[in-house]
Amino acid sequence: MLNSEARRLCPGVIFIPPDYELYRFCSRRVLEVLMSFTPLVEPFSIDEAWLDVTGCAGLFGAPAAIAARIQERLREELGLPCSAGVST
């Protein structure tokens, strides 16, 4: 949502200045965690990526289990929540 639209919809909104250096640090660390499961990581944005975990089941379990392990590691190591989807 654009800031102008947010201001229109919520006149009392408070904007907190971004910390881009922290975002970049966290993004790099997240990618490191993802790449510990598979080298087939396709970053999409600073906070999104797709992983191809084909053939990883023997090491890490089924794809849904891999997603859960990634979420757990990000929460434990970086204190970050993470949503994850699994598809064929």
PDB file of N, CA and C in Angstrom:
ATOM      1  N   MET A   1       0.862  -1.165   0.000  1.00  0.00           N
ATOM      2  CA  MET A   1       0.000   0.000   0.000  1.00  0.00           C
ATOM      3  C   MET A   1       0.907   1.226   0.000  1.00  0.00           C
ATOM      4  N   LEU A   2       0.542   2.190  -0.774  1.00  0.00           N
ATOM      5  CA  LEU A   2       1.288   3.448  -0.810  1.00  0.00           C
ATOM      6  C   LEU A   2       1.121   4.192   0.512  1.00  0.00           C
ATOM      7  N   ASN A   3       2.158   4.930   0.913  1.00  0.00           N
ATOM      8  CA  ASN A   3       2.073   5.729   2.140  1.00  0.00           C
ATOM      9  C   ASN A   3       0.908   6.698   2.094  1.00  0.00           C
ATOM     10  N   SER A   4       0.690   7.317   0.944  1.00  0.00           N
ATOM     11  CA  SER A   4      -0.401   8.290   0.828  1.00  0.00           C
ATOM     12  C   SER A   4      -1.753   7.625   1.071  1.00  0.00           C
ATOM     13  N   GLU A   5      -1.912   6.400   0.588  1.00  0.00           N
ATOM     14  CA  GLU A   5      -3.166   5.683   0.814  1.00  0.00           C
ATOM     15  C   GLU A   5      -3.310   5.305   2.284  1.00  0.00           C
ATOM     16  N   ALA A   6      -2.222   4.878   2.901  1.00  0.00           N
ATOM     17  CA  ALA A   6      -2.261   4.540   4.327  1.00  0.00           C
ATOM     18  C   ALA A   6      -2.635   5.760   5.157  1.00  0.00           C
ATOM     19  N   ARG A   7      -2.079   6.913   4.818  1.00  0.00           N
ATOM     20  CA  ARG A   7      -2.415   8.158   5.546  1.00  0.00           C
ATOM     21  C   ARG A   7      -3.893   8.511   5.369  1.00  0.00           C
ATOM     22  N   ARG A   8      -4.400   8.285   4.160  1.00  0.00           N
ATOM     23  CA  ARG A   8      -5.814   8.594   3.897  1.00  0.00           C
ATOM     24  C   ARG A   8      -6.725   7.661   4.689  1.00  0.00           C
ATOM     25  N   LEU A   9      -6.377   6.365   4.721  1.00  0.00           N
ATOM     26  CA  LEU A   9      -7.209   5.388   5.400  1.00  0.00           C
ATOM     27  C   LEU A   9      -7.055   5.435   6.925  1.00  0.00           C
ATOM     28  N   CYS A  10      -5.861   5.784   7.380  1.00  0.00           N
ATOM     29  CA  CYS A  10      -5.568   5.817   8.824  1.00  0.00           C
ATOM     30  C   CYS A  10      -4.860   7.131   9.149  1.00  0.00           C
ATOM     31  N   PRO A  11      -5.621   8.209   9.332  1.00  0.00           N
ATOM     32  CA  PRO A  11      -5.011   9.536   9.532  1.00  0.00           C
ATOM     33  C   PRO A  11      -4.017   9.590  10.694  1.00  0.00           C
ATOM     34  N   GLY A  12      -4.155   8.756  11.692  1.00  0.00           N
ATOM     35  CA  GLY A  12      -3.252   8.778  12.840  1.00  0.00           C
ATOM     36  C   GLY A  12      -2.063   7.842  12.711  1.00  0.00           C
ATOM     37  N   VAL A  13      -1.844   7.292  11.511  1.00  0.00           N
ATOM     38  CA  VAL A  13      -0.771   6.322  11.326  1.00  0.00           C
ATOM     39  C   VAL A  13       0.585   6.946  11.678  1.00  0.00           C
ATOM     40  N   ILE A  14       1.444   6.131  12.262  1.00  0.00           N
ATOM     41  CA  ILE A  14       2.802   6.567  12.596  1.00  0.00           C
ATOM     42  C   ILE A  14       3.763   5.740  11.757  1.00  0.00           C
ATOM     43  N   PHE A  15       4.582   6.401  10.982  1.00  0.00           N
ATOM     44  CA  PHE A  15       5.573   5.715  10.154  1.00  0.00           C
ATOM     45  C   PHE A  15       6.904   5.689  10.891  1.00  0.00           C
ATOM     46  N   ILE A  16       7.511   4.529  10.960  1.00  0.00           N
ATOM     47  CA  ILE A  16       8.807   4.353  11.599  1.00  0.00           C
ATOM     48  C   ILE A  16       9.851   4.274  10.494  1.00  0.00           C
ATOM     49  N   PRO A  17      10.904   5.070  10.590  1.00  0.00           N
ATOM     50  CA  PRO A  17      11.918   5.050   9.527  1.00  0.00           C
ATOM     51  C   PRO A  17      12.527   3.656   9.379  1.00  0.00           C
ATOM     52  N   PRO A  18      12.752   3.227   8.148  1.00  0.00           N
ATOM     53  CA  PRO A  18      13.322   1.902   7.913  1.00  0.00           C
ATOM     54  C   PRO A  18      14.804   1.861   8.271  1.00  0.00           C
ATOM     55  N   ASP A  19      15.275   0.680   8.600  1.00  0.00           N
ATOM     56  CA  ASP A  19      16.690   0.443   8.874  1.00  0.00           C
ATOM     57  C   ASP A  19      17.191  -0.510   7.785  1.00  0.00           C
ATOM     58  N   TYR A  20      17.561   0.062   6.635  1.00  0.00           N
ATOM     59  CA  TYR A  20      17.919  -0.759   5.481  1.00  0.00           C
ATOM     60  C   TYR A  20      19.148  -1.624   5.732  1.00  0.00           C
ATOM     61  N   GLU A  21      20.087  -1.140   6.528  1.00  0.00           N
ATOM     62  CA  GLU A  21      21.268  -1.949   6.831  1.00  0.00           C
ATOM     63  C   GLU A  21      20.870  -3.215   7.597  1.00  0.00           C
ATOM     64  N   LEU A  22      19.951  -3.076   8.543  1.00  0.00           N
ATOM     65  CA  LEU A  22      19.453  -4.241   9.279  1.00  0.00           C
ATOM     66  C   LEU A  22      18.703  -5.183   8.332  1.00  0.00           C
ATOM     67  N   TYR A  23      17.893  -4.620   7.425  1.00  0.00           N
ATOM     68  CA  TYR A  23      17.174  -5.447   6.450  1.00  0.00           C
ATOM     69  C   TYR A  23      18.146  -6.254   5.608  1.00  0.00           C
ATOM     70  N   ARG A  24      19.208  -5.588   5.122  1.00  0.00           N
ATOM     71  CA  ARG A  24      20.198  -6.281   4.280  1.00  0.00           C
ATOM     72  C   ARG A  24      20.899  -7.390   5.060  1.00  0.00           C
ATOM     73  N   PHE A  25      21.267  -7.097   6.316  1.00  0.00           N
ATOM     74  CA  PHE A  25      21.918  -8.100   7.157  1.00  0.00           C
ATOM     75  C   PHE A  25      21.003  -9.310   7.329  1.00  0.00           C
ATOM     76  N   CYS A  26      19.747  -9.061   7.699  1.00  0.00           N
ATOM     77  CA  CYS A  26      18.799 -10.161   7.914  1.00  0.00           C
ATOM     78  C   CYS A  26      18.548 -10.927   6.627  1.00  0.00           C
ATOM     79  N   SER A  27      18.457 -10.222   5.513  1.00  0.00           N
ATOM     80  CA  SER A  27      18.231 -10.881   4.228  1.00  0.00           C
ATOM     81  C   SER A  27      19.383 -11.823   3.900  1.00  0.00           C
ATOM     82  N   ARG A  28      20.614 -11.368   4.127  1.00  0.00           N
ATOM     83  CA  ARG A  28      21.781 -12.233   3.874  1.00  0.00           C
ATOM     84  C   ARG A  28      21.754 -13.464   4.785  1.00  0.00           C
ATOM     85  N   ARG A  29      21.444 -13.253   6.040  1.00  0.00           N
ATOM     86  CA  ARG A  29      21.395 -14.376   6.989  1.00  0.00           C
ATOM     87  C   ARG A  29      20.286 -15.364   6.634  1.00  0.00           C
ATOM     88  N   VAL A  30      19.123 -14.847   6.225  1.00  0.00           N
ATOM     89  CA  VAL A  30      18.026 -15.726   5.811  1.00  0.00           C
ATOM     90  C   VAL A  30      18.463 -16.566   4.618  1.00  0.00           C
ATOM     91  N   LEU A  31      19.109 -15.941   3.644  1.00  0.00           N
ATOM     92  CA  LEU A  31      19.576 -16.686   2.465  1.00  0.00           C
ATOM     93  C   LEU A  31      20.593 -17.760   2.871  1.00  0.00           C
ATOM     94  N   GLU A  32      21.451 -17.474   3.838  1.00  0.00           N
ATOM     95  CA  GLU A  32      22.401 -18.476   4.313  1.00  0.00           C
ATOM     96  C   GLU A  32      21.667 -19.686   4.902  1.00  0.00           C
ATOM     97  N   VAL A  33      20.626 -19.415   5.681  1.00  0.00           N
ATOM     98  CA  VAL A  33      19.844 -20.516   6.249  1.00  0.00           C
ATOM     99  C   VAL A  33      19.188 -21.318   5.128  1.00  0.00           C
ATOM    100  N   LEU A  34      18.573 -20.631   4.181  1.00  0.00           N
ATOM    101  CA  LEU A  34      17.907 -21.324   3.081  1.00  0.00           C
ATOM    102  C   LEU A  34      18.891 -22.182   2.298  1.00  0.00           C
ATOM    103  N   MET A  35      20.080 -21.634   2.039  1.00  0.00           N
ATOM    104  CA  MET A  35      21.068 -22.366   1.250  1.00  0.00           C
ATOM    105  C   MET A  35      21.695 -23.520   2.018  1.00  0.00           C
ATOM    106  N   SER A  36      21.469 -23.587   3.319  1.00  0.00           N
ATOM    107  CA  SER A  36      21.951 -24.747   4.074  1.00  0.00           C
ATOM    108  C   SER A  36      21.051 -25.963   3.828  1.00  0.00           C
ATOM    109  N   PHE A  37      19.893 -25.735   3.218  1.00  0.00           N
ATOM    110  CA  PHE A  37      18.982 -26.827   2.875  1.00  0.00           C
ATOM    111  C   PHE A  37      19.106 -27.225   1.410  1.00  0.00           C
ATOM    112  N   THR A  38      19.377 -26.276   0.539  1.00  0.00           N
ATOM    113  CA  THR A  38      19.528 -26.549  -0.890  1.00  0.00           C
ATOM    114  C   THR A  38      20.280 -25.395  -1.547  1.00  0.00           C
ATOM    115  N   PRO A  39      21.140 -25.688  -2.522  1.00  0.00           N
ATOM    116  CA  PRO A  39      21.786 -24.599  -3.249  1.00  0.00           C
ATOM    117  C   PRO A  39      20.841 -23.964  -4.280  1.00  0.00           C
ATOM    118  N   LEU A  40      19.695 -24.590  -4.482  1.00  0.00           N
ATOM    119  CA  LEU A  40      18.746 -24.113  -5.492  1.00  0.00           C
ATOM    120  C   LEU A  40      17.770 -23.117  -4.862  1.00  0.00           C
ATOM    121  N   VAL A  41      18.302 -21.936  -4.552  1.00  0.00           N
ATOM    122  CA  VAL A  41      17.528 -20.860  -3.933  1.00  0.00           C
ATOM    123  C   VAL A  41      17.431 -19.722  -4.937  1.00  0.00           C
ATOM    124  N   GLU A  42      16.226 -19.278  -5.191  1.00  0.00           N
ATOM    125  CA  GLU A  42      16.001 -18.158  -6.105  1.00  0.00           C
ATOM    126  C   GLU A  42      15.414 -16.992  -5.317  1.00  0.00           C
ATOM    127  N   PRO A  43      16.272 -16.018  -4.945  1.00  0.00           N
ATOM    128  CA  PRO A  43      15.746 -14.846  -4.247  1.00  0.00           C
ATOM    129  C   PRO A  43      14.775 -14.091  -5.150  1.00  0.00           C
ATOM    130  N   PHE A  44      13.680 -13.633  -4.574  1.00  0.00           N
ATOM    131  CA  PHE A  44      12.675 -12.891  -5.324  1.00  0.00           C
ATOM    132  C   PHE A  44      12.675 -11.418  -4.920  1.00  0.00           C
ATOM    133  N   SER A  45      12.896 -11.165  -3.653  1.00  0.00           N
ATOM    134  CA  SER A  45      12.995  -9.798  -3.142  1.00  0.00           C
ATOM    135  C   SER A  45      13.845  -9.857  -1.884  1.00  0.00           C
ATOM    136  N   ILE A  46      13.920  -8.767  -1.155  1.00  0.00           N
ATOM    137  CA  ILE A  46      14.749  -8.731   0.051  1.00  0.00           C
ATOM    138  C   ILE A  46      14.246  -9.701   1.113  1.00  0.00           C
ATOM    139  N   ASP A  47      12.969 -10.083   1.022  1.00  0.00           N
ATOM    140  CA  ASP A  47      12.420 -10.970   2.055  1.00  0.00           C
ATOM    141  C   ASP A  47      11.616 -12.140   1.492  1.00  0.00           C
ATOM    142  N   GLU A  48      11.883 -12.519   0.244  1.00  0.00           N
ATOM    143  CA  GLU A  48      11.192 -13.667  -0.356  1.00  0.00           C
ATOM    144  C   GLU A  48      12.161 -14.465  -1.217  1.00  0.00           C
ATOM    145  N   ALA A  49      11.946 -15.777  -1.252  1.00  0.00           N
ATOM    146  CA  ALA A  49      12.763 -16.644  -2.104  1.00  0.00           C
ATOM    147  C   ALA A  49      12.007 -17.934  -2.363  1.00  0.00           C
ATOM    148  N   TRP A  50      12.371 -18.576  -3.471  1.00  0.00           N
ATOM    149  CA  TRP A  50      11.847 -19.902  -3.786  1.00  0.00           C
ATOM    150  C   TRP A  50      12.998 -20.890  -3.665  1.00  0.00           C
ATOM    151  N   LEU A  51      12.673 -22.072  -3.164  1.00  0.00           N
ATOM    152  CA  LEU A  51      13.662 -23.132  -3.031  1.00  0.00           C
ATOM    153  C   LEU A  51      13.193 -24.356  -3.796  1.00  0.00           C
ATOM    154  N   ASP A  52      14.117 -25.020  -4.458  1.00  0.00           N
ATOM    155  CA  ASP A  52      13.832 -26.318  -5.063  1.00  0.00           C
ATOM    156  C   ASP A  52      14.444 -27.363  -4.148  1.00  0.00           C
ATOM    157  N   VAL A  53      13.594 -28.071  -3.433  1.00  0.00           N
ATOM    158  CA  VAL A  53      14.079 -29.077  -2.477  1.00  0.00           C
ATOM    159  C   VAL A  53      13.930 -30.497  -3.029  1.00  0.00           C
ATOM    160  N   THR A  54      13.765 -30.598  -4.343  1.00  0.00           N
ATOM    161  CA  THR A  54      13.709 -31.910  -4.981  1.00  0.00           C
ATOM    162  C   THR A  54      14.978 -32.669  -4.623  1.00  0.00           C
ATOM    163  N   GLY A  55      14.825 -33.862  -4.125  1.00  0.00           N
ATOM    164  CA  GLY A  55      15.977 -34.680  -3.779  1.00  0.00           C
ATOM    165  C   GLY A  55      16.538 -34.422  -2.385  1.00  0.00           C
ATOM    166  N   CYS A  56      15.922 -33.547  -1.608  1.00  0.00           N
ATOM    167  CA  CYS A  56      16.425 -33.236  -0.265  1.00  0.00           C
ATOM    168  C   CYS A  56      15.769 -34.065   0.832  1.00  0.00           C
ATOM    169  N   ALA A  57      14.775 -34.848   0.484  1.00  0.00           N
ATOM    170  CA  ALA A  57      14.019 -35.600   1.489  1.00  0.00           C
ATOM    171  C   ALA A  57      14.917 -36.533   2.298  1.00  0.00           C
ATOM    172  N   GLY A  58      15.887 -37.149   1.646  1.00  0.00           N
ATOM    173  CA  GLY A  58      16.778 -38.056   2.360  1.00  0.00           C
ATOM    174  C   GLY A  58      17.601 -37.361   3.437  1.00  0.00           C
ATOM    175  N   LEU A  59      17.884 -36.089   3.236  1.00  0.00           N
ATOM    176  CA  LEU A  59      18.669 -35.332   4.208  1.00  0.00           C
ATOM    177  C   LEU A  59      17.805 -34.643   5.262  1.00  0.00           C
ATOM    178  N   PHE A  60      16.682 -34.083   4.821  1.00  0.00           N
ATOM    179  CA  PHE A  60      15.920 -33.183   5.698  1.00  0.00           C
ATOM    180  C   PHE A  60      14.457 -33.564   5.893  1.00  0.00           C
ATOM    181  N   GLY A  61      13.975 -34.586   5.216  1.00  0.00           N
ATOM    182  CA  GLY A  61      12.581 -34.963   5.329  1.00  0.00           C
ATOM    183  C   GLY A  61      11.755 -34.443   4.166  1.00  0.00           C
ATOM    184  N   ALA A  62      10.461 -34.637   4.266  1.00  0.00           N
ATOM    185  CA  ALA A  62       9.530 -34.210   3.214  1.00  0.00           C
ATOM    186  C   ALA A  62       9.529 -32.676   3.113  1.00  0.00           C
ATOM    187  N   PRO A  63       9.083 -32.146   1.957  1.00  0.00           N
ATOM    188  CA  PRO A  63       9.078 -30.697   1.775  1.00  0.00           C
ATOM    189  C   PRO A  63       8.385 -29.912   2.900  1.00  0.00           C
ATOM    190  N   ALA A  64       7.264 -30.400   3.392  1.00  0.00           N
ATOM    191  CA  ALA A  64       6.588 -29.682   4.483  1.00  0.00           C
ATOM    192  C   ALA A  64       7.449 -29.684   5.744  1.00  0.00           C
ATOM    193  N   ALA A  65       8.167 -30.763   5.981  1.00  0.00           N
ATOM    194  CA  ALA A  65       9.064 -30.826   7.138  1.00  0.00           C
ATOM    195  C   ALA A  65      10.235 -29.860   6.957  1.00  0.00           C
ATOM    196  N   ILE A  66      10.736 -29.749   5.730  1.00  0.00           N
ATOM    197  CA  ILE A  66      11.817 -28.800   5.442  1.00  0.00           C
ATOM    198  C   ILE A  66      11.336 -27.377   5.716  1.00  0.00           C
ATOM    199  N   ALA A  67      10.142 -27.060   5.258  1.00  0.00           N
ATOM    200  CA  ALA A  67       9.589 -25.723   5.501  1.00  0.00           C
ATOM    201  C   ALA A  67       9.488 -25.448   6.999  1.00  0.00           C
ATOM    202  N   ALA A  68       9.035 -26.421   7.757  1.00  0.00           N
ATOM    203  CA  ALA A  68       8.913 -26.247   9.209  1.00  0.00           C
ATOM    204  C   ALA A  68      10.287 -26.066   9.853  1.00  0.00           C
ATOM    205  N   ARG A  69      11.280 -26.807   9.380  1.00  0.00           N
ATOM    206  CA  ARG A  69      12.638 -26.668   9.929  1.00  0.00           C
ATOM    207  C   ARG A  69      13.220 -25.302   9.609  1.00  0.00           C
ATOM    208  N   ILE A  70      12.950 -24.803   8.403  1.00  0.00           N
ATOM    209  CA  ILE A  70      13.421 -23.462   8.040  1.00  0.00           C
ATOM    210  C   ILE A  70      12.781 -22.425   8.956  1.00  0.00           C
ATOM    211  N   GLN A  71      11.483 -22.529   9.159  1.00  0.00           N
ATOM    212  CA  GLN A  71      10.790 -21.594  10.046  1.00  0.00           C
ATOM    213  C   GLN A  71      11.388 -21.636  11.448  1.00  0.00           C
ATOM    214  N   GLU A  72      11.651 -22.832  11.946  1.00  0.00           N
ATOM    215  CA  GLU A  72      12.210 -22.991  13.285  1.00  0.00           C
ATOM    216  C   GLU A  72      13.586 -22.348  13.388  1.00  0.00           C
ATOM    217  N   ARG A  73      14.441 -22.601  12.407  1.00  0.00           N
ATOM    218  CA  ARG A  73      15.791 -22.026  12.442  1.00  0.00           C
ATOM    219  C   ARG A  73      15.766 -20.517  12.370  1.00  0.00           C
ATOM    220  N   LEU A  74      14.909 -19.963  11.504  1.00  0.00           N
ATOM    221  CA  LEU A  74      14.843 -18.502  11.401  1.00  0.00           C
ATOM    222  C   LEU A  74      14.351 -17.884  12.702  1.00  0.00           C
ATOM    223  N   ARG A  75      13.409 -18.537  13.339  1.00  0.00           N
ATOM    224  CA  ARG A  75      12.901 -18.048  14.625  1.00  0.00           C
ATOM    225  C   ARG A  75      13.996 -18.140  15.693  1.00  0.00           C
ATOM    226  N   GLU A  76      14.686 -19.283  15.753  1.00  0.00           N
ATOM    227  CA  GLU A  76      15.718 -19.490  16.777  1.00  0.00           C
ATOM    228  C   GLU A  76      16.961 -18.633  16.547  1.00  0.00           C
ATOM    229  N   GLU A  77      17.449 -18.596  15.314  1.00  0.00           N
ATOM    230  CA  GLU A  77      18.721 -17.936  15.027  1.00  0.00           C
ATOM    231  C   GLU A  77      18.605 -16.437  14.825  1.00  0.00           C
ATOM    232  N   LEU A  78      17.472 -15.988  14.268  1.00  0.00           N
ATOM    233  CA  LEU A  78      17.334 -14.572  13.948  1.00  0.00           C
ATOM    234  C   LEU A  78      16.164 -13.901  14.656  1.00  0.00           C
ATOM    235  N   GLY A  79      15.338 -14.696  15.318  1.00  0.00           N
ATOM    236  CA  GLY A  79      14.164 -14.120  15.966  1.00  0.00           C
ATOM    237  C   GLY A  79      13.119 -13.641  14.980  1.00  0.00           C
ATOM    238  N   LEU A  80      13.122 -14.226  13.789  1.00  0.00           N
ATOM    239  CA  LEU A  80      12.221 -13.789  12.729  1.00  0.00           C
ATOM    240  C   LEU A  80      11.102 -14.802  12.487  1.00  0.00           C
ATOM    241  N   PRO A  81       9.866 -14.327  12.405  1.00  0.00           N
ATOM    242  CA  PRO A  81       8.787 -15.218  11.963  1.00  0.00           C
ATOM    243  C   PRO A  81       8.916 -15.396  10.442  1.00  0.00           C
ATOM    244  N   CYS A  82       8.365 -16.478   9.953  1.00  0.00           N
ATOM    245  CA  CYS A  82       8.480 -16.768   8.528  1.00  0.00           C
ATOM    246  C   CYS A  82       7.255 -17.549   8.076  1.00  0.00           C
ATOM    247  N   SER A  83       6.660 -17.120   6.990  1.00  0.00           N
ATOM    248  CA  SER A  83       5.602 -17.935   6.379  1.00  0.00           C
ATOM    249  C   SER A  83       6.255 -18.751   5.269  1.00  0.00           C
ATOM    250  N   ALA A  84       5.719 -19.949   5.047  1.00  0.00           N
ATOM    251  CA  ALA A  84       6.287 -20.834   4.024  1.00  0.00           C
ATOM    252  C   ALA A  84       5.170 -21.607   3.370  1.00  0.00           C
ATOM    253  N   GLY A  85       5.271 -21.781   2.080  1.00  0.00           N
ATOM    254  CA  GLY A  85       4.326 -22.577   1.335  1.00  0.00           C
ATOM    255  C   GLY A  85       5.067 -23.699   0.632  1.00  0.00           C
ATOM    256  N   VAL A  86       4.383 -24.784   0.375  1.00  0.00           N
ATOM    257  CA  VAL A  86       4.980 -25.933  -0.295  1.00  0.00           C
ATOM    258  C   VAL A  86       4.126 -26.261  -1.511  1.00  0.00           C
ATOM    259  N   SER A  87       4.791 -26.506  -2.626  1.00  0.00           N
ATOM    260  CA  SER A  87       4.080 -26.808  -3.862  1.00  0.00           C
ATOM    261  C   SER A  87       4.897 -27.807  -4.680  1.00  0.00           C
ATOM    262  N   THR A  88       4.246 -28.380  -5.684  1.00  0.00           N
ATOM    263  CA  THR A  88       4.965 -29.283  -6.581  1.00  0.00           C
ATOM    264  C   THR A  88       5.608 -28.476  -7.687  1.00  0.00           C
TER     265      THR A  88
END
